[in-house]
Protein backbone atom coordinates (compact mmCIF):
# COMPACT_ATOMS: atom_id res chain seq x y z
CA UNK A 1 0.04 -0.10 0.05
CA UNK A 2 1.52 3.19 -1.15
CA UNK A 3 0.71 6.63 0.11
CA UNK A 4 0.70 10.19 -1.58
CA UNK A 5 3.36 12.70 -0.94
CA UNK A 6 3.44 16.51 -1.06
CA UNK A 7 6.13 16.97 -3.68
CA UNK A 8 5.51 18.54 -6.93
CA UNK A 9 6.99 17.81 -10.44
CA UNK A 10 6.37 20.95 -12.34
CA UNK A 11 5.48 20.83 -16.17
CA UNK A 12 9.15 21.39 -17.18
CA UNK A 13 10.34 18.46 -15.23
CA UNK A 14 7.37 16.24 -16.27
CA UNK A 15 8.31 16.91 -20.07
CA UNK A 16 12.13 16.30 -19.46
CA UNK A 17 11.45 13.10 -17.55
CA UNK A 18 8.98 11.72 -20.30
CA UNK A 19 11.86 12.40 -22.89
CA UNK A 20 14.67 10.66 -20.76
CA UNK A 21 12.25 7.78 -20.08
CA UNK A 22 11.56 7.35 -23.86
CA UNK A 23 15.35 7.12 -24.47
CA UNK A 24 15.67 4.38 -21.73
CA UNK A 25 13.04 2.23 -23.55
CA UNK A 26 11.93 0.66 -20.42
CA UNK A 27 8.18 0.89 -19.13
CA UNK A 28 8.78 0.03 -15.68
CA UNK A 29 10.95 2.90 -14.51
CA UNK A 30 9.83 5.56 -12.15
CA UNK A 31 11.52 8.82 -10.95
CA UNK A 32 12.76 8.53 -7.39
CA UNK A 33 13.89 11.55 -5.23
CA UNK A 34 15.66 10.78 -2.09
CA UNK A 35 17.65 12.66 0.63
CA UNK A 36 20.96 11.23 1.72
CA UNK A 37 23.70 12.19 4.02
CA UNK A 38 26.60 13.94 2.41
CA UNK A 39 27.52 17.03 0.60
CA UNK A 40 29.01 20.21 2.19
CA UNK A 41 25.71 21.05 4.08
CA UNK A 42 24.86 17.79 5.59
CA UNK A 43 22.32 16.33 3.07
CA UNK A 44 22.18 15.90 -0.67
CA UNK A 45 19.42 15.03 -3.19
CA UNK A 46 19.42 11.95 -5.18
CA UNK A 47 17.22 12.09 -8.22
CA UNK A 48 17.35 8.87 -10.46
CA UNK A 49 15.18 6.31 -12.42
CA UNK A 50 14.30 3.28 -10.34
CA UNK A 51 12.51 0.06 -11.21
CA UNK A 52 11.99 -1.08 -7.74
CA UNK A 53 9.43 -0.18 -5.11
CA UNK A 54 10.49 -0.24 -1.51
CA UNK A 55 8.41 -0.85 1.57
CA UNK A 56 6.63 2.35 2.47
CA UNK A 57 7.46 4.14 -0.68
CA UNK A 58 4.87 7.12 -1.46
CA UNK A 59 3.90 7.59 -5.17
CA UNK A 60 2.20 10.23 -7.06
CA UNK A 61 1.61 10.27 -10.96
CA UNK A 62 2.17 13.45 -12.76
CA UNK A 63 0.69 13.11 -16.21
CA UNK A 64 2.07 9.62 -16.56
CA UNK A 65 5.44 10.27 -14.73
CA UNK A 66 5.46 8.42 -11.48
CA UNK A 67 7.43 10.23 -8.75
CA UNK A 68 8.39 7.88 -5.83
CA UNK A 69 9.77 8.93 -2.48
CA UNK A 70 11.02 6.71 0.28
CA UNK A 71 9.29 7.37 3.71
CA UNK A 72 12.61 8.44 5.32
CA UNK A 73 13.10 11.28 2.89
CA UNK A 74 9.55 12.61 2.96
CA UNK A 75 10.00 14.79 6.11
CA UNK A 76 12.88 16.65 4.33
CA UNK A 77 10.99 17.13 1.02
CA UNK A 78 7.32 17.82 1.99
CA UNK A 79 6.19 20.93 -0.08
CA UNK A 80 9.32 20.75 -2.44
CA UNK A 81 8.97 21.50 -6.25
CA UNK A 82 11.14 19.89 -8.71
CA UNK A 83 11.58 21.75 -11.96
CA UNK A 84 13.99 21.55 -15.16
CA UNK A 85 15.87 24.61 -16.15
CA UNK A 86 17.30 24.83 -19.53
CA UNK A 87 19.19 28.24 -19.69
CA UNK A 88 22.55 29.44 -20.77
CA UNK A 89 23.64 29.42 -17.13
CA UNK A 90 22.17 26.29 -15.94
CA UNK A 91 20.85 23.10 -17.22
CA UNK A 92 19.36 20.37 -15.14
CA UNK A 93 16.82 19.53 -12.55
CA UNK A 94 16.45 21.89 -9.50
CA UNK A 95 14.62 21.39 -6.34
CA UNK A 96 12.81 24.17 -4.43
CA UNK A 97 12.64 23.05 -1.10
CA UNK A 98 10.95 25.06 1.65
CA UNK A 99 12.54 22.70 4.36
CA UNK A 100 16.01 23.50 3.61
CA UNK A 101 17.33 25.94 6.04
CA UNK A 102 20.70 26.54 4.51
CA UNK A 103 22.07 25.45 1.17
CA UNK A 104 25.57 25.59 -0.18
CA UNK A 105 26.79 27.27 -3.12
CA UNK A 106 26.68 24.24 -5.29
CA UNK A 107 22.92 24.09 -4.63
CA UNK A 108 23.02 20.34 -4.33
CA UNK A 109 23.00 19.96 -0.56
CA UNK A 110 21.27 21.52 2.28
CA UNK A 111 20.38 21.14 5.80
């Protein structure tokens, strides 16, 4: 039994994930976001494709893209928004997280 989470995948991220999933040519992949110890601020984001479901995973479907989060990461990510930026200065996924009290210059870790 999986539950919902309160993490948003915005339209730009959904489109990019659909594109990347099409390249993978597998139909059992989901996008997983997790928080793990590490980085210069104490915690880092992990964003990757996963074909496994873990006990306690929460899942929300965004227009055909399933975003899964493990139960340990949810408190750190509640209310966060994942988007995809494609500009001259930055290309890649970004996470706007209201729970991050301090971030580092690289933007990949927080506490």
